[in-house]
Amino acid sequence: MPKIWTLGHPSIRTEFEYSGDVSKGVILHFSSNPHISSEFFQAILNEFRGRTIKGGFSMTDPISGGLGEWIQNNSKPINPINLTPRHGSFIAAILVHEGFITSNLVGNRVYLNFP
């Protein structure tokens, strides 16, 4: 079971574990053990293919056009449970860890690079 860190400034990153993988779906091992389906990961990869976007993982003010906002607006119809922008920091970290995307930090902002 991989143990990795969320993306972001080191002062706010969270270490977490997950089981599964992007191609089969993932269970995050914290609080309610949310499930993220392989279809949801694929929808993210398809939506942002060829772009660099902001992470926007704030629960109270997700950045317009960022991954967090997209997750908030699109998880319910695609994923088994409704996810929040905060889940985006875990999802993005998994995508980076498994080699699907890259990320960089500019100040406190996370940028996600989708090939």
Protein backbone atom coordinates (compact mmCIF):
# COMPACT_ATOMS: atom_id res chain seq x y z
CA MET A 1 0.00 0.00 0.00
CA PRO A 2 1.69 3.25 -1.13
CA LYS A 3 2.26 5.97 1.47
CA ILE A 4 2.68 9.37 -0.19
CA TRP A 5 2.22 13.10 0.46
CA THR A 6 -0.43 15.42 -0.92
CA LEU A 7 0.81 18.18 -3.20
CA GLY A 8 1.41 21.70 -1.98
CA HIS A 9 3.70 23.71 0.24
CA PRO A 10 5.52 21.43 2.71
CA SER A 11 3.88 23.20 5.66
CA ILE A 12 0.39 22.05 4.59
CA ARG A 13 1.05 18.67 2.97
CA THR A 14 -0.56 15.54 4.42
CA GLU A 15 0.85 12.03 4.32
CA PHE A 16 -1.66 9.36 3.38
CA GLU A 17 -2.00 5.78 2.21
CA TYR A 18 -4.11 4.36 -0.56
CA SER A 19 -4.85 0.98 -2.04
CA GLY A 20 -5.51 0.16 -5.67
CA ASP A 21 -4.33 2.18 -8.61
CA VAL A 22 -5.58 4.62 -11.24
CA SER A 23 -6.51 1.83 -13.68
CA LYS A 24 -8.59 -0.15 -11.14
CA GLY A 25 -9.79 2.57 -8.77
CA VAL A 26 -8.44 3.72 -5.42
CA ILE A 27 -9.50 3.72 -1.79
CA LEU A 28 -7.99 6.53 0.27
CA HIS A 29 -7.12 5.32 3.76
CA PHE A 30 -8.29 8.10 6.04
CA SER A 31 -11.56 9.13 7.74
CA SER A 32 -14.37 7.55 5.70
CA ASN A 33 -12.08 5.68 3.26
CA PRO A 34 -13.50 7.35 0.13
CA HIS A 35 -13.43 5.44 -3.13
CA ILE A 36 -12.27 7.02 -6.38
CA SER A 37 -13.25 5.04 -9.44
CA SER A 38 -11.00 4.34 -12.39
CA GLU A 39 -13.64 6.05 -14.55
CA PHE A 40 -13.26 9.23 -12.49
CA PHE A 41 -9.48 9.21 -12.88
CA GLN A 42 -9.91 8.68 -16.64
CA ALA A 43 -12.42 11.56 -16.84
CA ILE A 44 -9.87 13.85 -15.16
CA LEU A 45 -7.09 12.79 -17.52
CA ASN A 46 -9.36 13.28 -20.55
CA GLU A 47 -10.70 16.65 -19.39
CA PHE A 48 -7.28 18.24 -18.86
CA ARG A 49 -5.19 16.43 -21.48
CA GLY A 50 -2.51 18.70 -22.94
CA ARG A 51 -3.03 21.48 -20.38
CA THR A 52 -1.42 22.91 -17.29
CA ILE A 53 -3.95 23.89 -14.64
CA LYS A 54 -3.97 25.12 -11.04
CA GLY A 55 -4.74 22.61 -8.31
CA GLY A 56 -7.25 24.80 -6.49
CA PHE A 57 -7.77 22.45 -3.54
CA SER A 58 -9.35 24.98 -1.14
CA MET A 59 -12.57 23.73 0.44
CA THR A 60 -13.96 27.25 0.81
CA ASP A 61 -12.74 28.93 -2.35
CA PRO A 62 -11.57 26.52 -5.07
CA ILE A 63 -9.88 28.28 -7.99
CA SER A 64 -12.04 28.64 -11.08
CA GLY A 65 -10.82 26.21 -13.73
CA GLY A 66 -8.71 24.24 -11.26
CA LEU A 67 -8.85 20.55 -10.50
CA GLY A 68 -10.57 21.11 -7.14
CA GLU A 69 -13.46 22.98 -8.72
CA TRP A 70 -13.82 20.37 -11.46
CA ILE A 71 -13.93 17.57 -8.87
CA GLN A 72 -16.54 19.44 -6.83
CA ASN A 73 -18.73 19.92 -9.91
CA ASN A 74 -18.27 16.52 -11.57
CA SER A 75 -17.67 13.79 -8.99
CA LYS A 76 -21.29 13.02 -8.16
CA PRO A 77 -22.36 11.76 -11.61
CA ILE A 78 -19.11 9.85 -12.32
CA ASN A 79 -17.82 8.59 -8.96
CA PRO A 80 -19.58 6.39 -6.37
CA ILE A 81 -19.43 9.21 -3.79
CA ASN A 82 -19.41 12.99 -3.96
CA LEU A 83 -15.88 14.38 -3.57
CA THR A 84 -14.68 17.82 -2.48
CA PRO A 85 -11.91 20.09 -3.79
CA ARG A 86 -9.75 18.88 -0.87
CA HIS A 87 -9.87 15.34 -2.31
CA GLY A 88 -8.18 16.86 -5.35
CA SER A 89 -4.88 17.14 -3.47
CA PHE A 90 -4.97 13.39 -2.87
CA ILE A 91 -6.11 12.57 -6.41
CA ALA A 92 -3.42 14.78 -7.96
CA ALA A 93 -0.73 13.24 -5.71
CA ILE A 94 -1.76 9.75 -6.86
CA LEU A 95 -1.69 10.81 -10.51
CA VAL A 96 1.83 12.21 -10.00
CA HIS A 97 2.97 9.15 -8.01
CA GLU A 98 1.77 6.78 -10.73
CA GLY A 99 3.38 8.84 -13.50
CA PHE A 100 0.26 10.15 -15.27
CA ILE A 101 0.97 13.85 -14.65
CA THR A 102 3.66 16.10 -13.23
CA SER A 103 3.32 19.01 -10.84
CA ASN A 104 5.23 22.06 -9.76
CA LEU A 105 4.87 24.53 -6.92
CA VAL A 106 4.99 28.28 -7.52
CA GLY A 107 4.79 30.03 -4.17
CA ASN A 108 1.88 28.26 -2.49
CA ARG A 109 0.13 27.34 -5.75
CA VAL A 110 0.20 23.85 -7.20
CA TYR A 111 0.26 23.55 -10.98
CA LEU A 112 -0.63 20.26 -12.62
CA ASN A 113 0.81 19.36 -16.02
CA PHE A 114 -1.29 16.92 -18.04
CA PRO A 115 0.61 15.47 -21.04
